[in-house]
Amino acid sequence: PLAAIIPLDRAGFDRLEALTRLLASLHGRSIPPDTRLTAQQRLRLRRMLQCFDGYRDGATQREIAQIVFRLARQDRQQWQDASARHAIKALLRDARAMIAGGYRALLRHRRQG
């Protein structure tokens, strides 16, 4: 049998929740959601990875925006004026930072309070 040691420090509650999710997964049960991230935060992280994958595969920022934000095709001037252009730049910037080691902060992310 597997065993787990949970330190009883301030992060103990988060560790207990993570252990509950692991245990549910190991036994084929429904996995409780991770409550440390909001739905909006999870969506942004998913979009960051989508953007980076597209960029790495050679897609232009405009093509990435069409997929991620489900946009119609835009001409050059529409793209230059689009808020999605700035959003894609920010998502790519943050994805690069996450890949360069920023993911560690996500792993240490603690709920407020």
N, C-alpha and C. Protein backbone atom coordinates (compact mmCIF):
# COMPACT_ATOMS: atom_id res chain seq x y z
N PRO A 1 0.83 -1.21 0.00
CA PRO A 1 0.00 0.00 0.00
C PRO A 1 0.86 1.26 0.00
N LEU A 2 0.35 2.30 -0.64
CA LEU A 2 1.02 3.59 -0.67
C LEU A 2 0.73 4.34 0.62
N ALA A 3 1.65 5.24 1.00
CA ALA A 3 1.45 6.06 2.19
C ALA A 3 1.80 7.50 1.84
N ALA A 4 1.24 8.42 2.61
CA ALA A 4 1.53 9.84 2.40
C ALA A 4 1.75 10.49 3.76
N ILE A 5 2.72 11.38 3.80
CA ILE A 5 2.98 12.17 5.00
C ILE A 5 2.62 13.61 4.66
N ILE A 6 1.72 14.20 5.44
CA ILE A 6 1.27 15.56 5.19
C ILE A 6 1.76 16.45 6.33
N PRO A 7 2.67 17.38 6.02
CA PRO A 7 3.09 18.33 7.06
C PRO A 7 1.90 19.18 7.52
N LEU A 8 1.81 19.44 8.78
CA LEU A 8 0.69 20.20 9.33
C LEU A 8 1.03 21.69 9.42
N ASP A 9 1.53 22.22 8.32
CA ASP A 9 1.83 23.64 8.27
C ASP A 9 0.66 24.38 7.62
N ARG A 10 0.88 25.63 7.27
CA ARG A 10 -0.19 26.45 6.71
C ARG A 10 -0.71 25.89 5.37
N ALA A 11 0.15 25.23 4.62
CA ALA A 11 -0.26 24.66 3.34
C ALA A 11 -0.90 23.28 3.50
N GLY A 12 -1.06 22.81 4.72
CA GLY A 12 -1.62 21.49 4.98
C GLY A 12 -2.98 21.26 4.35
N PHE A 13 -3.85 22.27 4.38
CA PHE A 13 -5.18 22.11 3.79
C PHE A 13 -5.10 21.88 2.29
N ASP A 14 -4.22 22.63 1.62
CA ASP A 14 -4.04 22.43 0.18
C ASP A 14 -3.48 21.04 -0.10
N ARG A 15 -2.55 20.61 0.72
CA ARG A 15 -1.97 19.28 0.53
C ARG A 15 -3.01 18.19 0.74
N LEU A 16 -3.87 18.37 1.74
CA LEU A 16 -4.94 17.39 1.98
C LEU A 16 -5.90 17.33 0.79
N GLU A 17 -6.23 18.48 0.23
CA GLU A 17 -7.11 18.49 -0.95
C GLU A 17 -6.44 17.79 -2.12
N ALA A 18 -5.14 18.05 -2.31
CA ALA A 18 -4.41 17.41 -3.41
C ALA A 18 -4.36 15.89 -3.18
N LEU A 19 -4.16 15.48 -1.96
CA LEU A 19 -4.13 14.06 -1.64
C LEU A 19 -5.49 13.42 -1.89
N THR A 20 -6.55 14.13 -1.56
CA THR A 20 -7.91 13.62 -1.82
C THR A 20 -8.13 13.42 -3.32
N ARG A 21 -7.66 14.39 -4.14
CA ARG A 21 -7.79 14.25 -5.58
C ARG A 21 -6.97 13.07 -6.10
N LEU A 22 -5.75 12.90 -5.58
CA LEU A 22 -4.91 11.77 -5.98
C LEU A 22 -5.56 10.45 -5.61
N LEU A 23 -6.06 10.35 -4.40
CA LEU A 23 -6.68 9.12 -3.93
C LEU A 23 -7.92 8.79 -4.78
N ALA A 24 -8.72 9.78 -5.10
CA ALA A 24 -9.90 9.55 -5.94
C ALA A 24 -9.46 9.04 -7.32
N SER A 25 -8.41 9.63 -7.86
CA SER A 25 -7.91 9.22 -9.17
C SER A 25 -7.39 7.78 -9.14
N LEU A 26 -6.66 7.44 -8.10
CA LEU A 26 -6.10 6.09 -7.98
C LEU A 26 -7.17 5.03 -7.88
N HIS A 27 -8.32 5.39 -7.34
CA HIS A 27 -9.40 4.41 -7.13
C HIS A 27 -10.56 4.60 -8.11
N GLY A 28 -10.33 5.36 -9.18
CA GLY A 28 -11.32 5.49 -10.22
C GLY A 28 -12.58 6.25 -9.83
N ARG A 29 -12.47 7.09 -8.84
CA ARG A 29 -13.63 7.86 -8.40
C ARG A 29 -13.62 9.25 -9.04
N SER A 30 -14.71 9.94 -8.89
CA SER A 30 -14.82 11.31 -9.40
C SER A 30 -13.81 12.19 -8.66
N ILE A 31 -13.04 12.96 -9.42
CA ILE A 31 -11.99 13.78 -8.83
C ILE A 31 -12.55 15.15 -8.47
N PRO A 32 -12.47 15.53 -7.19
CA PRO A 32 -12.96 16.85 -6.79
C PRO A 32 -12.13 17.95 -7.47
N PRO A 33 -12.75 19.09 -7.76
CA PRO A 33 -12.01 20.16 -8.44
C PRO A 33 -10.97 20.80 -7.52
N ASP A 34 -9.92 21.32 -8.14
CA ASP A 34 -8.90 22.09 -7.42
C ASP A 34 -9.47 23.49 -7.22
N THR A 35 -9.73 23.86 -6.00
CA THR A 35 -10.40 25.14 -5.71
C THR A 35 -9.43 26.32 -5.63
N ARG A 36 -8.14 26.08 -5.83
CA ARG A 36 -7.19 27.18 -5.71
C ARG A 36 -7.22 28.12 -6.90
N LEU A 37 -7.69 27.64 -8.04
CA LEU A 37 -7.76 28.46 -9.24
C LEU A 37 -9.22 28.67 -9.64
N THR A 38 -9.53 29.87 -10.07
CA THR A 38 -10.88 30.14 -10.55
C THR A 38 -11.03 29.61 -11.97
N ALA A 39 -12.24 29.52 -12.43
CA ALA A 39 -12.49 29.08 -13.81
C ALA A 39 -11.80 30.03 -14.80
N GLN A 40 -11.83 31.32 -14.49
CA GLN A 40 -11.18 32.31 -15.37
C GLN A 40 -9.66 32.10 -15.42
N GLN A 41 -9.06 31.80 -14.28
CA GLN A 41 -7.62 31.54 -14.25
C GLN A 41 -7.27 30.28 -15.05
N ARG A 42 -8.08 29.23 -14.90
CA ARG A 42 -7.83 28.01 -15.66
C ARG A 42 -7.97 28.26 -17.16
N LEU A 43 -8.99 29.05 -17.56
CA LEU A 43 -9.18 29.38 -18.97
C LEU A 43 -7.96 30.13 -19.51
N ARG A 44 -7.46 31.08 -18.75
CA ARG A 44 -6.29 31.86 -19.20
C ARG A 44 -5.06 30.97 -19.35
N LEU A 45 -4.85 30.07 -18.40
CA LEU A 45 -3.72 29.15 -18.50
C LEU A 45 -3.85 28.25 -19.72
N ARG A 46 -5.06 27.76 -19.98
CA ARG A 46 -5.29 26.92 -21.15
C ARG A 46 -5.01 27.71 -22.43
N ARG A 47 -5.47 28.95 -22.48
CA ARG A 47 -5.23 29.78 -23.66
C ARG A 47 -3.75 30.07 -23.84
N MET A 48 -3.03 30.27 -22.73
CA MET A 48 -1.59 30.49 -22.83
C MET A 48 -0.91 29.31 -23.51
N LEU A 49 -1.28 28.10 -23.09
CA LEU A 49 -0.67 26.91 -23.69
C LEU A 49 -1.09 26.74 -25.14
N GLN A 50 -2.36 27.02 -25.46
CA GLN A 50 -2.81 26.94 -26.85
C GLN A 50 -2.01 27.91 -27.72
N CYS A 51 -1.84 29.13 -27.23
CA CYS A 51 -1.10 30.13 -27.99
C CYS A 51 0.34 29.69 -28.22
N PHE A 52 0.97 29.21 -27.17
CA PHE A 52 2.36 28.80 -27.31
C PHE A 52 2.49 27.60 -28.25
N ASP A 53 1.58 26.64 -28.15
CA ASP A 53 1.62 25.49 -29.06
C ASP A 53 1.49 25.95 -30.50
N GLY A 54 0.54 26.85 -30.76
CA GLY A 54 0.38 27.37 -32.11
C GLY A 54 1.61 28.10 -32.60
N TYR A 55 2.16 28.94 -31.75
CA TYR A 55 3.38 29.69 -32.09
C TYR A 55 4.53 28.74 -32.39
N ARG A 56 4.70 27.75 -31.53
CA ARG A 56 5.78 26.77 -31.72
C ARG A 56 5.61 25.99 -33.02
N ASP A 57 4.35 25.77 -33.42
CA ASP A 57 4.08 25.03 -34.66
C ASP A 57 4.10 25.92 -35.90
N GLY A 58 4.44 27.22 -35.72
CA GLY A 58 4.61 28.10 -36.86
C GLY A 58 3.41 28.95 -37.24
N ALA A 59 2.36 28.94 -36.45
CA ALA A 59 1.19 29.76 -36.76
C ALA A 59 1.50 31.23 -36.47
N THR A 60 0.87 32.11 -37.22
CA THR A 60 1.02 33.54 -36.96
C THR A 60 0.14 33.91 -35.77
N GLN A 61 0.40 35.07 -35.20
CA GLN A 61 -0.43 35.52 -34.10
C GLN A 61 -1.88 35.71 -34.54
N ARG A 62 -2.08 36.15 -35.75
CA ARG A 62 -3.43 36.32 -36.27
C ARG A 62 -4.14 34.97 -36.38
N GLU A 63 -3.44 33.96 -36.88
CA GLU A 63 -4.02 32.62 -36.98
C GLU A 63 -4.34 32.05 -35.60
N ILE A 64 -3.44 32.29 -34.65
CA ILE A 64 -3.67 31.83 -33.28
C ILE A 64 -4.93 32.48 -32.71
N ALA A 65 -5.07 33.78 -32.91
CA ALA A 65 -6.24 34.51 -32.40
C ALA A 65 -7.53 33.97 -33.01
N GLN A 66 -7.50 33.63 -34.31
CA GLN A 66 -8.70 33.10 -34.95
C GLN A 66 -9.14 31.80 -34.28
N ILE A 67 -8.19 30.98 -33.89
CA ILE A 67 -8.52 29.71 -33.25
C ILE A 67 -8.92 29.92 -31.79
N VAL A 68 -8.07 30.61 -31.04
CA VAL A 68 -8.30 30.75 -29.60
C VAL A 68 -9.56 31.55 -29.29
N PHE A 69 -9.77 32.63 -30.03
CA PHE A 69 -10.92 33.50 -29.77
C PHE A 69 -12.07 33.29 -30.76
N ARG A 70 -11.92 32.31 -31.66
CA ARG A 70 -12.95 31.99 -32.65
C ARG A 70 -13.37 33.22 -33.45
N LEU A 71 -12.38 33.88 -34.02
CA LEU A 71 -12.61 35.10 -34.79
C LEU A 71 -12.74 34.80 -36.27
N ALA A 72 -13.49 35.63 -36.94
CA ALA A 72 -13.55 35.57 -38.40
C ALA A 72 -12.22 36.09 -38.95
N ARG A 73 -11.93 35.75 -40.18
CA ARG A 73 -10.69 36.22 -40.79
C ARG A 73 -10.72 37.75 -40.88
N GLN A 74 -9.59 38.36 -40.56
CA GLN A 74 -9.48 39.82 -40.56
C GLN A 74 -8.40 40.26 -41.54
N ASP A 75 -8.63 41.41 -42.16
CA ASP A 75 -7.58 41.94 -43.02
C ASP A 75 -6.51 42.58 -42.13
N ARG A 76 -5.44 43.03 -42.77
CA ARG A 76 -4.29 43.55 -42.01
C ARG A 76 -4.68 44.71 -41.09
N GLN A 77 -5.45 45.66 -41.59
CA GLN A 77 -5.81 46.83 -40.78
C GLN A 77 -6.73 46.43 -39.62
N GLN A 78 -7.68 45.54 -39.87
CA GLN A 78 -8.55 45.08 -38.78
C GLN A 78 -7.72 44.40 -37.69
N TRP A 79 -6.75 43.61 -38.12
CA TRP A 79 -5.89 42.92 -37.15
C TRP A 79 -5.06 43.92 -36.35
N GLN A 80 -4.53 44.93 -37.00
CA GLN A 80 -3.72 45.93 -36.30
C GLN A 80 -4.54 46.65 -35.24
N ASP A 81 -5.83 46.83 -35.48
CA ASP A 81 -6.71 47.54 -34.55
C ASP A 81 -7.39 46.63 -33.53
N ALA A 82 -7.25 45.33 -33.68
CA ALA A 82 -8.01 44.37 -32.87
C ALA A 82 -7.46 44.24 -31.45
N SER A 83 -8.37 44.20 -30.49
CA SER A 83 -7.96 43.97 -29.10
C SER A 83 -7.39 42.56 -28.94
N ALA A 84 -7.85 41.63 -29.78
CA ALA A 84 -7.34 40.25 -29.72
C ALA A 84 -5.84 40.21 -30.00
N ARG A 85 -5.36 41.12 -30.82
CA ARG A 85 -3.91 41.18 -31.13
C ARG A 85 -3.11 41.41 -29.86
N HIS A 86 -3.56 42.33 -29.04
CA HIS A 86 -2.86 42.62 -27.79
C HIS A 86 -3.03 41.47 -26.79
N ALA A 87 -4.20 40.85 -26.80
CA ALA A 87 -4.44 39.72 -25.90
C ALA A 87 -3.51 38.55 -26.25
N ILE A 88 -3.34 38.28 -27.53
CA ILE A 88 -2.46 37.19 -27.96
C ILE A 88 -1.03 37.48 -27.56
N LYS A 89 -0.58 38.72 -27.75
CA LYS A 89 0.78 39.10 -27.35
C LYS A 89 0.98 38.86 -25.85
N ALA A 90 0.00 39.25 -25.04
CA ALA A 90 0.11 39.06 -23.59
C ALA A 90 0.09 37.58 -23.23
N LEU A 91 -0.75 36.80 -23.88
CA LEU A 91 -0.81 35.37 -23.61
C LEU A 91 0.50 34.69 -23.97
N LEU A 92 1.08 35.06 -25.11
CA LEU A 92 2.36 34.49 -25.51
C LEU A 92 3.48 34.90 -24.56
N ARG A 93 3.49 36.17 -24.15
CA ARG A 93 4.50 36.65 -23.20
C ARG A 93 4.42 35.85 -21.90
N ASP A 94 3.21 35.69 -21.39
CA ASP A 94 3.04 34.98 -20.12
C ASP A 94 3.31 33.49 -20.26
N ALA A 95 2.99 32.92 -21.43
CA ALA A 95 3.29 31.50 -21.66
C ALA A 95 4.80 31.27 -21.67
N ARG A 96 5.53 32.17 -22.32
CA ARG A 96 7.00 32.04 -22.33
C ARG A 96 7.57 32.11 -20.92
N ALA A 97 7.04 33.03 -20.12
CA ALA A 97 7.51 33.17 -18.74
C ALA A 97 7.17 31.91 -17.93
N MET A 98 6.00 31.36 -18.16
CA MET A 98 5.59 30.14 -17.44
C MET A 98 6.51 28.99 -17.82
N ILE A 99 6.82 28.85 -19.10
CA ILE A 99 7.67 27.77 -19.57
C ILE A 99 9.10 27.94 -19.09
N ALA A 100 9.53 29.18 -18.93
CA ALA A 100 10.90 29.47 -18.49
C ALA A 100 11.08 29.31 -16.98
N GLY A 101 10.09 28.77 -16.31
CA GLY A 101 10.23 28.51 -14.87
C GLY A 101 9.12 29.10 -14.04
N GLY A 102 8.28 29.92 -14.63
CA GLY A 102 7.19 30.52 -13.87
C GLY A 102 6.15 29.52 -13.40
N TYR A 103 6.14 28.33 -14.03
CA TYR A 103 5.20 27.30 -13.60
C TYR A 103 5.40 26.91 -12.14
N ARG A 104 6.60 27.13 -11.64
CA ARG A 104 6.87 26.79 -10.24
C ARG A 104 5.98 27.60 -9.30
N ALA A 105 5.73 28.86 -9.65
CA ALA A 105 4.84 29.69 -8.83
C ALA A 105 3.42 29.13 -8.87
N LEU A 106 3.02 28.59 -10.02
CA LEU A 106 1.70 27.97 -10.13
C LEU A 106 1.61 26.76 -9.22
N LEU A 107 2.67 25.98 -9.16
CA LEU A 107 2.67 24.80 -8.30
C LEU A 107 2.63 25.18 -6.82
N ARG A 108 3.17 26.35 -6.49
CA ARG A 108 3.16 26.81 -5.10
C ARG A 108 1.96 27.69 -4.79
N HIS A 109 1.10 27.88 -5.79
CA HIS A 109 -0.05 28.78 -5.64
C HIS A 109 -0.90 28.35 -4.44
N ARG A 110 -1.13 29.28 -3.57
CA ARG A 110 -1.96 29.00 -2.40
C ARG A 110 -3.20 29.87 -2.45
N ARG A 111 -4.27 29.32 -1.97
CA ARG A 111 -5.50 30.08 -1.92
C ARG A 111 -5.33 31.27 -0.99
N GLN A 112 -6.15 32.28 -1.19
CA GLN A 112 -6.12 33.48 -0.33
C GLN A 112 -6.72 33.13 1.03
N GLY A 113 -6.13 33.70 2.09
CA GLY A 113 -6.73 33.53 3.42
C GLY A 113 -6.11 32.53 4.26
